[in-house]
């Protein structure tokens, strides 16, 4: 059974840091693009970042470039999102999701999955940044 479980959310002051974890089961994260998203109350879900194959650099939304870093630990089958210099506007529920395999993405000549291509989602973890 495919599952994704997020953890690491919490309450932090502006300028602080958190590291979110996305632990997968039922598949190997090394084979799939894993994305991070967030959704604030009353707002649409935003894509933040996704992993890439070993020969490509990860992808980031402009609003997190230089502050957030995505990484993987294949031995733990876990993808992380290190979030630094947090701002109150980063407050949201953060989700991870499984995208297509890197092989499929390469066949399509793309690196970043379309938002509709993520097929399994975690339950989310709340991040609250106070001013």
C-alpha atoms as a PDB file:
ATOM      1  CA  UNK A   1       0.000   0.000   0.000  1.00  0.00           C
ATOM      2  CA  UNK A   2       1.345   3.400  -0.987  1.00  0.00           C
ATOM      3  CA  UNK A   3       1.480   5.886   1.874  1.00  0.00           C
ATOM      4  CA  UNK A   4       3.079   9.247   2.526  1.00  0.00           C
ATOM      5  CA  UNK A   5       3.335  10.609   6.049  1.00  0.00           C
ATOM      6  CA  UNK A   6       4.438  14.163   6.782  1.00  0.00           C
ATOM      7  CA  UNK A   7       5.909  15.292  10.079  1.00  0.00           C
ATOM      8  CA  UNK A   8       7.942  18.131  11.501  1.00  0.00           C
ATOM      9  CA  UNK A   9       5.440  20.930  11.401  1.00  0.00           C
ATOM     10  CA  UNK A  10       4.936  23.251  14.331  1.00  0.00           C
ATOM     11  CA  UNK A  11       4.964  26.764  15.637  1.00  0.00           C
ATOM     12  CA  UNK A  12       7.960  29.005  14.967  1.00  0.00           C
ATOM     13  CA  UNK A  13       8.763  32.694  15.105  1.00  0.00           C
ATOM     14  CA  UNK A  14       9.523  34.664  11.967  1.00  0.00           C
ATOM     15  CA  UNK A  15      13.098  34.112  10.887  1.00  0.00           C
ATOM     16  CA  UNK A  16      13.159  30.640  12.352  1.00  0.00           C
ATOM     17  CA  UNK A  17      13.551  27.242  10.714  1.00  0.00           C
ATOM     18  CA  UNK A  18      11.728  23.938  10.490  1.00  0.00           C
ATOM     19  CA  UNK A  19      12.483  20.696   8.708  1.00  0.00           C
ATOM     20  CA  UNK A  20       9.555  18.749   7.360  1.00  0.00           C
ATOM     21  CA  UNK A  21       9.783  15.041   6.648  1.00  0.00           C
ATOM     22  CA  UNK A  22       7.808  12.972   4.162  1.00  0.00           C
ATOM     23  CA  UNK A  23       8.241   9.282   4.846  1.00  0.00           C
ATOM     24  CA  UNK A  24       7.051   6.975   2.101  1.00  0.00           C
ATOM     25  CA  UNK A  25       6.016   3.342   2.114  1.00  0.00           C
ATOM     26  CA  UNK A  26       4.901   1.015  -0.642  1.00  0.00           C
ATOM     27  CA  UNK A  27       7.318   2.492  -3.184  1.00  0.00           C
ATOM     28  CA  UNK A  28      10.854   3.883  -3.413  1.00  0.00           C
ATOM     29  CA  UNK A  29      11.264   7.671  -3.366  1.00  0.00           C
ATOM     30  CA  UNK A  30      14.429   7.331  -5.418  1.00  0.00           C
ATOM     31  CA  UNK A  31      12.291   6.324  -8.403  1.00  0.00           C
ATOM     32  CA  UNK A  32       9.611   9.018  -8.206  1.00  0.00           C
ATOM     33  CA  UNK A  33       9.331  12.777  -8.242  1.00  0.00           C
ATOM     34  CA  UNK A  34       8.175  13.798  -4.790  1.00  0.00           C
ATOM     35  CA  UNK A  35       6.579  17.203  -4.464  1.00  0.00           C
ATOM     36  CA  UNK A  36       5.874  19.529  -1.572  1.00  0.00           C
ATOM     37  CA  UNK A  37       2.789  21.732  -1.573  1.00  0.00           C
ATOM     38  CA  UNK A  38       1.127  24.039   0.892  1.00  0.00           C
ATOM     39  CA  UNK A  39      -2.345  25.425   1.433  1.00  0.00           C
ATOM     40  CA  UNK A  40      -3.234  28.375   3.612  1.00  0.00           C
ATOM     41  CA  UNK A  41      -6.797  28.896   4.875  1.00  0.00           C
ATOM     42  CA  UNK A  42      -9.032  30.237   2.147  1.00  0.00           C
ATOM     43  CA  UNK A  43      -6.321  29.970  -0.482  1.00  0.00           C
ATOM     44  CA  UNK A  44      -5.498  27.580  -3.272  1.00  0.00           C
ATOM     45  CA  UNK A  45      -2.874  24.902  -2.879  1.00  0.00           C
ATOM     46  CA  UNK A  46       0.552  26.047  -4.017  1.00  0.00           C
ATOM     47  CA  UNK A  47       3.354  23.908  -5.376  1.00  0.00           C
ATOM     48  CA  UNK A  48       6.618  24.534  -3.532  1.00  0.00           C
ATOM     49  CA  UNK A  49       9.272  22.128  -4.759  1.00  0.00           C
ATOM     50  CA  UNK A  50       9.932  18.683  -6.135  1.00  0.00           C
ATOM     51  CA  UNK A  51      12.808  16.277  -6.289  1.00  0.00           C
ATOM     52  CA  UNK A  52      14.583  15.491  -9.498  1.00  0.00           C
ATOM     53  CA  UNK A  53      16.568  12.584 -10.860  1.00  0.00           C
ATOM     54  CA  UNK A  54      20.118  12.296  -9.620  1.00  0.00           C
ATOM     55  CA  UNK A  55      21.560  14.246 -12.526  1.00  0.00           C
ATOM     56  CA  UNK A  56      19.308  17.271 -12.177  1.00  0.00           C
ATOM     57  CA  UNK A  57      18.942  19.955  -9.553  1.00  0.00           C
ATOM     58  CA  UNK A  58      15.671  20.125  -7.626  1.00  0.00           C
ATOM     59  CA  UNK A  59      12.943  22.546  -8.624  1.00  0.00           C
ATOM     60  CA  UNK A  60      11.543  25.382  -6.514  1.00  0.00           C
ATOM     61  CA  UNK A  61       8.793  27.931  -6.680  1.00  0.00           C
ATOM     62  CA  UNK A  62      10.130  31.470  -6.855  1.00  0.00           C
ATOM     63  CA  UNK A  63       8.670  32.421  -3.473  1.00  0.00           C
ATOM     64  CA  UNK A  64      10.866  29.867  -1.640  1.00  0.00           C
ATOM     65  CA  UNK A  65      14.080  30.008  -3.649  1.00  0.00           C
ATOM     66  CA  UNK A  66      17.032  30.611  -1.396  1.00  0.00           C
ATOM     67  CA  UNK A  67      15.033  29.792   1.741  1.00  0.00           C
ATOM     68  CA  UNK A  68      13.779  26.216   1.304  1.00  0.00           C
ATOM     69  CA  UNK A  69      15.795  23.142   0.356  1.00  0.00           C
ATOM     70  CA  UNK A  70      14.443  19.757  -0.673  1.00  0.00           C
ATOM     71  CA  UNK A  71      16.510  16.611  -0.152  1.00  0.00           C
ATOM     72  CA  UNK A  72      16.137  12.852   0.043  1.00  0.00           C
ATOM     73  CA  UNK A  73      17.447  10.072   2.238  1.00  0.00           C
ATOM     74  CA  UNK A  74      16.957   6.913   0.205  1.00  0.00           C
ATOM     75  CA  UNK A  75      17.983   4.669   3.095  1.00  0.00           C
ATOM     76  CA  UNK A  76      15.083   6.094   5.124  1.00  0.00           C
ATOM     77  CA  UNK A  77      12.813   6.416   2.057  1.00  0.00           C
ATOM     78  CA  UNK A  78      12.161   9.962   3.192  1.00  0.00           C
ATOM     79  CA  UNK A  79      12.107  13.358   1.492  1.00  0.00           C
ATOM     80  CA  UNK A  80      12.803  16.470   3.537  1.00  0.00           C
ATOM     81  CA  UNK A  81      11.943  20.113   3.173  1.00  0.00           C
ATOM     82  CA  UNK A  82      14.314  22.351   5.107  1.00  0.00           C
ATOM     83  CA  UNK A  83      12.663  25.726   5.614  1.00  0.00           C
ATOM     84  CA  UNK A  84      14.765  28.669   6.726  1.00  0.00           C
ATOM     85  CA  UNK A  85      14.039  32.380   7.177  1.00  0.00           C
ATOM     86  CA  UNK A  86      10.383  31.588   7.687  1.00  0.00           C
ATOM     87  CA  UNK A  87       7.840  34.357   7.261  1.00  0.00           C
ATOM     88  CA  UNK A  88       4.283  34.689   8.605  1.00  0.00           C
ATOM     89  CA  UNK A  89       3.026  34.221   5.037  1.00  0.00           C
ATOM     90  CA  UNK A  90       4.561  30.723   5.070  1.00  0.00           C
ATOM     91  CA  UNK A  91       1.849  29.682   7.519  1.00  0.00           C
ATOM     92  CA  UNK A  92      -0.076  26.817   5.929  1.00  0.00           C
ATOM     93  CA  UNK A  93      -0.678  23.098   5.938  1.00  0.00           C
ATOM     94  CA  UNK A  94       2.189  21.444   4.092  1.00  0.00           C
ATOM     95  CA  UNK A  95       1.672  18.307   2.032  1.00  0.00           C
ATOM     96  CA  UNK A  96       3.939  15.940   0.170  1.00  0.00           C
ATOM     97  CA  UNK A  97       2.780  13.965  -2.823  1.00  0.00           C
ATOM     98  CA  UNK A  98       4.041  11.346  -5.233  1.00  0.00           C
ATOM     99  CA  UNK A  99       4.485  12.336  -8.858  1.00  0.00           C
ATOM    100  CA  UNK A 100       5.411  10.237 -11.868  1.00  0.00           C
ATOM    101  CA  UNK A 101       8.564   8.179 -12.002  1.00  0.00           C
ATOM    102  CA  UNK A 102      11.683   9.951 -13.208  1.00  0.00           C
ATOM    103  CA  UNK A 103      11.694   7.530 -16.142  1.00  0.00           C
ATOM    104  CA  UNK A 104       8.258   8.679 -17.249  1.00  0.00           C
ATOM    105  CA  UNK A 105       9.204  12.320 -16.839  1.00  0.00           C
ATOM    106  CA  UNK A 106      12.331  11.796 -18.911  1.00  0.00           C
ATOM    107  CA  UNK A 107      10.343  10.106 -21.674  1.00  0.00           C
ATOM    108  CA  UNK A 108       8.106  13.152 -21.723  1.00  0.00           C
ATOM    109  CA  UNK A 109      11.079  15.478 -21.807  1.00  0.00           C
ATOM    110  CA  UNK A 110      10.031  17.308 -18.658  1.00  0.00           C
ATOM    111  CA  UNK A 111      11.448  17.589 -15.193  1.00  0.00           C
ATOM    112  CA  UNK A 112       8.584  19.036 -13.158  1.00  0.00           C
ATOM    113  CA  UNK A 113       5.308  17.136 -13.017  1.00  0.00           C
ATOM    114  CA  UNK A 114       2.059  18.924 -13.669  1.00  0.00           C
ATOM    115  CA  UNK A 115       0.059  19.399 -10.478  1.00  0.00           C
ATOM    116  CA  UNK A 116      -2.523  16.918 -11.701  1.00  0.00           C
ATOM    117  CA  UNK A 117       0.079  14.187 -12.069  1.00  0.00           C
ATOM    118  CA  UNK A 118       0.559  13.616  -8.343  1.00  0.00           C
ATOM    119  CA  UNK A 119      -1.358  10.476  -7.418  1.00  0.00           C
ATOM    120  CA  UNK A 120      -0.805   9.929  -3.695  1.00  0.00           C
ATOM    121  CA  UNK A 121      -0.857  12.574  -0.973  1.00  0.00           C
ATOM    122  CA  UNK A 122       0.013  12.712   2.686  1.00  0.00           C
ATOM    123  CA  UNK A 123      -2.343  14.017   5.338  1.00  0.00           C
ATOM    124  CA  UNK A 124      -0.437  17.269   5.794  1.00  0.00           C
ATOM    125  CA  UNK A 125       1.408  18.941   8.646  1.00  0.00           C
ATOM    126  CA  UNK A 126       0.625  22.395  10.020  1.00  0.00           C
ATOM    127  CA  UNK A 127       3.275  25.111   9.970  1.00  0.00           C
ATOM    128  CA  UNK A 128       2.528  28.319  11.835  1.00  0.00           C
ATOM    129  CA  UNK A 129       4.929  31.278  11.700  1.00  0.00           C
ATOM    130  CA  UNK A 130       4.330  34.133  14.116  1.00  0.00           C
ATOM    131  CA  UNK A 131       5.411  37.700  13.451  1.00  0.00           C
END
